[in-house]
Amino acid sequence: MEEALQAAQEALRMGEVPVGAIVVLGDKIVSRGWNRNLSDHDPSAHAEIVALRNAGTAIGNHRLIGCELFATIEPCAMCAGAMVHARLKRLVYGADDPKAGAVHSVMQVLNHPQLNHQMEVRGGVAAQRCTELLQEFFKSRR
């Protein structure tokens, strides 16, 4: 989660909402991502999507079998759907997202019983630090 928090700091430096993500295979980080919506003019450039894209390129496959994604916030529906398609082994995230979370907060995209892929999920890792980073960012914008 420390590496995902560092990626979130990169988003912050760019003036983006500070969300970061990394993809790990075994004990190796294969990709990093941070929010790039504003800088890329791309509504799909969430940290998780960027990390998944980079991981696919690094591994040479759109299926990220055996990979784990660490994100600083509970993924939205778009990111959760991409994780299902990537066939991730596990998701670890920090802060819950009561407005758009698609693991359990608003809806259940991950591990929905009708989907064809299930993955391990662990939430709340370094949740306080992840939440504080986001809260400070939004306070500075008001």
C-alpha atoms as a PDB file:
ATOM      1  CA  MET A   1       0.000   0.000   0.000  1.00  0.00           C
ATOM      2  CA  GLU A   2       2.972   2.291   0.558  1.00  0.00           C
ATOM      3  CA  GLU A   3       3.744   2.168  -3.163  1.00  0.00           C
ATOM      4  CA  ALA A   4       0.130   2.947  -4.043  1.00  0.00           C
ATOM      5  CA  LEU A   5       0.245   5.923  -1.683  1.00  0.00           C
ATOM      6  CA  GLN A   6       3.405   7.129  -3.430  1.00  0.00           C
ATOM      7  CA  ALA A   7       1.571   6.879  -6.758  1.00  0.00           C
ATOM      8  CA  ALA A   8      -1.272   8.928  -5.235  1.00  0.00           C
ATOM      9  CA  GLN A   9       1.292  11.581  -4.336  1.00  0.00           C
ATOM     10  CA  GLU A  10       2.286  11.723  -8.011  1.00  0.00           C
ATOM     11  CA  ALA A  11      -1.348  12.404  -8.915  1.00  0.00           C
ATOM     12  CA  LEU A  12      -1.400  15.156  -6.299  1.00  0.00           C
ATOM     13  CA  ARG A  13       1.734  16.745  -7.805  1.00  0.00           C
ATOM     14  CA  MET A  14      -0.054  16.788 -11.167  1.00  0.00           C
ATOM     15  CA  GLY A  15      -3.139  18.469  -9.709  1.00  0.00           C
ATOM     16  CA  GLU A  16      -5.220  15.307 -10.008  1.00  0.00           C
ATOM     17  CA  VAL A  17      -7.381  13.686  -7.340  1.00  0.00           C
ATOM     18  CA  PRO A  18      -4.763  11.766  -5.314  1.00  0.00           C
ATOM     19  CA  VAL A  19      -5.545   8.143  -6.040  1.00  0.00           C
ATOM     20  CA  GLY A  20      -2.806   5.633  -6.742  1.00  0.00           C
ATOM     21  CA  ALA A  21      -2.614   1.975  -7.693  1.00  0.00           C
ATOM     22  CA  ILE A  22       0.000  -0.674  -8.318  1.00  0.00           C
ATOM     23  CA  VAL A  23      -0.145  -4.151  -9.824  1.00  0.00           C
ATOM     24  CA  VAL A  24       2.008  -6.853  -8.256  1.00  0.00           C
ATOM     25  CA  LEU A  25       2.905 -10.301  -9.586  1.00  0.00           C
ATOM     26  CA  GLY A  26       4.533 -12.444  -6.950  1.00  0.00           C
ATOM     27  CA  ASP A  27       6.884 -10.118  -5.119  1.00  0.00           C
ATOM     28  CA  LYS A  28       7.467  -7.769  -8.063  1.00  0.00           C
ATOM     29  CA  ILE A  29       5.665  -4.522  -8.885  1.00  0.00           C
ATOM     30  CA  VAL A  30       4.844  -4.787 -12.590  1.00  0.00           C
ATOM     31  CA  SER A  31       3.067  -1.439 -12.962  1.00  0.00           C
ATOM     32  CA  ARG A  32       1.997   1.764 -11.282  1.00  0.00           C
ATOM     33  CA  GLY A  33      -0.841   4.125 -12.009  1.00  0.00           C
ATOM     34  CA  TRP A  34      -2.281   7.330 -10.662  1.00  0.00           C
ATOM     35  CA  ASN A  35      -5.246   9.430 -11.651  1.00  0.00           C
ATOM     36  CA  ARG A  36      -4.623  11.134 -14.996  1.00  0.00           C
ATOM     37  CA  ASN A  37      -8.157  12.196 -15.943  1.00  0.00           C
ATOM     38  CA  LEU A  38      -7.372  15.889 -16.202  1.00  0.00           C
ATOM     39  CA  SER A  39      -3.910  15.676 -17.729  1.00  0.00           C
ATOM     40  CA  ASP A  40      -4.912  13.046 -20.306  1.00  0.00           C
ATOM     41  CA  HIS A  41      -8.381  14.519 -20.973  1.00  0.00           C
ATOM     42  CA  ASP A  42      -9.637  10.975 -20.432  1.00  0.00           C
ATOM     43  CA  PRO A  43     -12.550  10.074 -18.155  1.00  0.00           C
ATOM     44  CA  SER A  44     -11.304   6.481 -18.006  1.00  0.00           C
ATOM     45  CA  ALA A  45      -7.801   7.389 -16.787  1.00  0.00           C
ATOM     46  CA  HIS A  46      -8.396   6.353 -13.185  1.00  0.00           C
ATOM     47  CA  ALA A  47      -5.357   5.097 -11.269  1.00  0.00           C
ATOM     48  CA  GLU A  48      -6.554   1.493 -11.422  1.00  0.00           C
ATOM     49  CA  ILE A  49      -7.184   1.575 -15.179  1.00  0.00           C
ATOM     50  CA  VAL A  50      -3.782   3.148 -15.829  1.00  0.00           C
ATOM     51  CA  ALA A  51      -2.113   0.492 -13.656  1.00  0.00           C
ATOM     52  CA  LEU A  52      -4.026  -2.323 -15.410  1.00  0.00           C
ATOM     53  CA  ARG A  53      -3.089  -1.000 -18.856  1.00  0.00           C
ATOM     54  CA  ASN A  54       0.570  -0.714 -17.879  1.00  0.00           C
ATOM     55  CA  ALA A  55       0.527  -4.202 -16.352  1.00  0.00           C
ATOM     56  CA  GLY A  56      -0.950  -5.710 -19.515  1.00  0.00           C
ATOM     57  CA  THR A  57       1.830  -4.116 -21.536  1.00  0.00           C
ATOM     58  CA  ALA A  58       4.526  -5.223 -19.071  1.00  0.00           C
ATOM     59  CA  ILE A  59       3.252  -8.805 -18.914  1.00  0.00           C
ATOM     60  CA  GLY A  60       2.270  -9.009 -22.558  1.00  0.00           C
ATOM     61  CA  ASN A  61      -1.262 -10.200 -21.878  1.00  0.00           C
ATOM     62  CA  HIS A  62      -4.640  -8.627 -21.141  1.00  0.00           C
ATOM     63  CA  ARG A  63      -5.278 -11.378 -18.603  1.00  0.00           C
ATOM     64  CA  LEU A  64      -3.401 -10.577 -15.425  1.00  0.00           C
ATOM     65  CA  ILE A  65      -3.645 -14.052 -13.957  1.00  0.00           C
ATOM     66  CA  GLY A  66      -1.998 -14.254 -10.537  1.00  0.00           C
ATOM     67  CA  CYS A  67      -1.708 -10.468 -10.217  1.00  0.00           C
ATOM     68  CA  GLU A  68      -2.853  -8.362  -7.296  1.00  0.00           C
ATOM     69  CA  LEU A  69      -3.905  -4.715  -7.458  1.00  0.00           C
ATOM     70  CA  PHE A  70      -3.365  -2.337  -4.556  1.00  0.00           C
ATOM     71  CA  ALA A  71      -5.402   0.904  -4.691  1.00  0.00           C
ATOM     72  CA  THR A  72      -5.755   3.746  -2.245  1.00  0.00           C
ATOM     73  CA  ILE A  73      -9.555   3.858  -2.584  1.00  0.00           C
ATOM     74  CA  GLU A  74     -12.360   1.393  -3.187  1.00  0.00           C
ATOM     75  CA  PRO A  75     -12.693   1.047  -6.978  1.00  0.00           C
ATOM     76  CA  CYS A  76     -15.620   2.492  -8.917  1.00  0.00           C
ATOM     77  CA  ALA A  77     -17.820   0.384 -11.212  1.00  0.00           C
ATOM     78  CA  MET A  78     -15.620   1.033 -14.267  1.00  0.00           C
ATOM     79  CA  CYS A  79     -12.430   0.011 -12.496  1.00  0.00           C
ATOM     80  CA  ALA A  80     -14.039  -2.969 -10.779  1.00  0.00           C
ATOM     81  CA  GLY A  81     -15.357  -4.183 -14.133  1.00  0.00           C
ATOM     82  CA  ALA A  82     -11.903  -3.890 -15.668  1.00  0.00           C
ATOM     83  CA  MET A  83     -10.458  -5.889 -12.780  1.00  0.00           C
ATOM     84  CA  VAL A  84     -12.956  -8.681 -13.418  1.00  0.00           C
ATOM     85  CA  HIS A  85     -12.029  -8.721 -17.125  1.00  0.00           C
ATOM     86  CA  ALA A  86      -8.318  -8.772 -16.233  1.00  0.00           C
ATOM     87  CA  ARG A  87      -8.897 -11.827 -14.021  1.00  0.00           C
ATOM     88  CA  LEU A  88      -6.970 -10.409 -11.072  1.00  0.00           C
ATOM     89  CA  LYS A  89      -6.254 -12.737  -8.213  1.00  0.00           C
ATOM     90  CA  ARG A  90      -6.755 -10.160  -5.467  1.00  0.00           C
ATOM     91  CA  LEU A  91      -7.661  -6.544  -4.769  1.00  0.00           C
ATOM     92  CA  VAL A  92      -6.333  -4.700  -1.729  1.00  0.00           C
ATOM     93  CA  TYR A  93      -7.621  -1.179  -1.152  1.00  0.00           C
ATOM     94  CA  GLY A  94      -7.419   1.554   1.455  1.00  0.00           C
ATOM     95  CA  ALA A  95     -10.365   3.901   1.926  1.00  0.00           C
ATOM     96  CA  ASP A  96     -13.989   3.005   1.319  1.00  0.00           C
ATOM     97  CA  ASP A  97     -15.772   5.195  -1.242  1.00  0.00           C
ATOM     98  CA  PRO A  98     -19.318   5.850   0.020  1.00  0.00           C
ATOM     99  CA  LYS A  99     -20.211   7.794  -3.149  1.00  0.00           C
ATOM    100  CA  ALA A 100     -18.966   5.486  -5.921  1.00  0.00           C
ATOM    101  CA  GLY A 101     -17.468   2.321  -4.415  1.00  0.00           C
ATOM    102  CA  ALA A 102     -18.255  -0.818  -6.400  1.00  0.00           C
ATOM    103  CA  VAL A 103     -16.883  -3.445  -4.031  1.00  0.00           C
ATOM    104  CA  HIS A 104     -19.440  -2.980  -1.253  1.00  0.00           C
ATOM    105  CA  SER A 105     -20.159   0.698  -0.509  1.00  0.00           C
ATOM    106  CA  VAL A 106     -22.613   1.587  -3.298  1.00  0.00           C
ATOM    107  CA  MET A 107     -22.847  -1.587  -5.350  1.00  0.00           C
ATOM    108  CA  GLN A 108     -21.171  -4.967  -5.697  1.00  0.00           C
ATOM    109  CA  VAL A 109     -19.439  -5.348  -9.048  1.00  0.00           C
ATOM    110  CA  LEU A 110     -16.537  -7.381  -7.717  1.00  0.00           C
ATOM    111  CA  ASN A 111     -17.599 -10.870  -6.765  1.00  0.00           C
ATOM    112  CA  HIS A 112     -21.137 -10.368  -7.975  1.00  0.00           C
ATOM    113  CA  PRO A 113     -22.607 -13.881  -7.975  1.00  0.00           C
ATOM    114  CA  GLN A 114     -23.599 -13.707 -11.650  1.00  0.00           C
ATOM    115  CA  LEU A 115     -20.162 -12.719 -12.950  1.00  0.00           C
ATOM    116  CA  ASN A 116     -17.721 -15.285 -14.282  1.00  0.00           C
ATOM    117  CA  HIS A 117     -14.746 -14.327 -12.109  1.00  0.00           C
ATOM    118  CA  GLN A 118     -14.316 -14.016  -8.365  1.00  0.00           C
ATOM    119  CA  MET A 119     -11.299 -12.570  -6.558  1.00  0.00           C
ATOM    120  CA  GLU A 120     -10.009 -12.108  -3.070  1.00  0.00           C
ATOM    121  CA  VAL A 121     -10.680  -8.659  -1.625  1.00  0.00           C
ATOM    122  CA  ARG A 122      -9.210  -6.912   1.378  1.00  0.00           C
ATOM    123  CA  GLY A 123     -10.309  -3.383   2.213  1.00  0.00           C
ATOM    124  CA  GLY A 124      -9.298  -0.932   4.891  1.00  0.00           C
ATOM    125  CA  VAL A 125      -5.518  -1.265   4.503  1.00  0.00           C
ATOM    126  CA  ALA A 126      -3.958   2.051   5.605  1.00  0.00           C
ATOM    127  CA  ALA A 127      -7.483   3.433   5.321  1.00  0.00           C
ATOM    128  CA  GLN A 128      -6.864   6.406   7.601  1.00  0.00           C
ATOM    129  CA  ARG A 129      -3.871   7.631   5.580  1.00  0.00           C
ATOM    130  CA  CYS A 130      -5.679   7.112   2.274  1.00  0.00           C
ATOM    131  CA  THR A 131      -8.747   8.959   3.551  1.00  0.00           C
ATOM    132  CA  GLU A 132      -6.707  11.849   4.953  1.00  0.00           C
ATOM    133  CA  LEU A 133      -4.893  12.340   1.646  1.00  0.00           C
ATOM    134  CA  LEU A 134      -8.199  12.630  -0.211  1.00  0.00           C
ATOM    135  CA  GLN A 135      -9.814  14.838   2.442  1.00  0.00           C
ATOM    136  CA  GLU A 136      -6.894  17.271   2.453  1.00  0.00           C
ATOM    137  CA  PHE A 137      -7.011  17.489  -1.342  1.00  0.00           C
ATOM    138  CA  PHE A 138     -10.724  18.309  -1.414  1.00  0.00           C
ATOM    139  CA  LYS A 139     -10.414  20.783   1.494  1.00  0.00           C
ATOM    140  CA  SER A 140      -7.764  22.665  -0.481  1.00  0.00           C
ATOM    141  CA  ARG A 141     -10.153  22.912  -3.449  1.00  0.00           C
ATOM    142  CA  ARG A 142     -12.994  24.519  -1.498  1.00  0.00           C
END
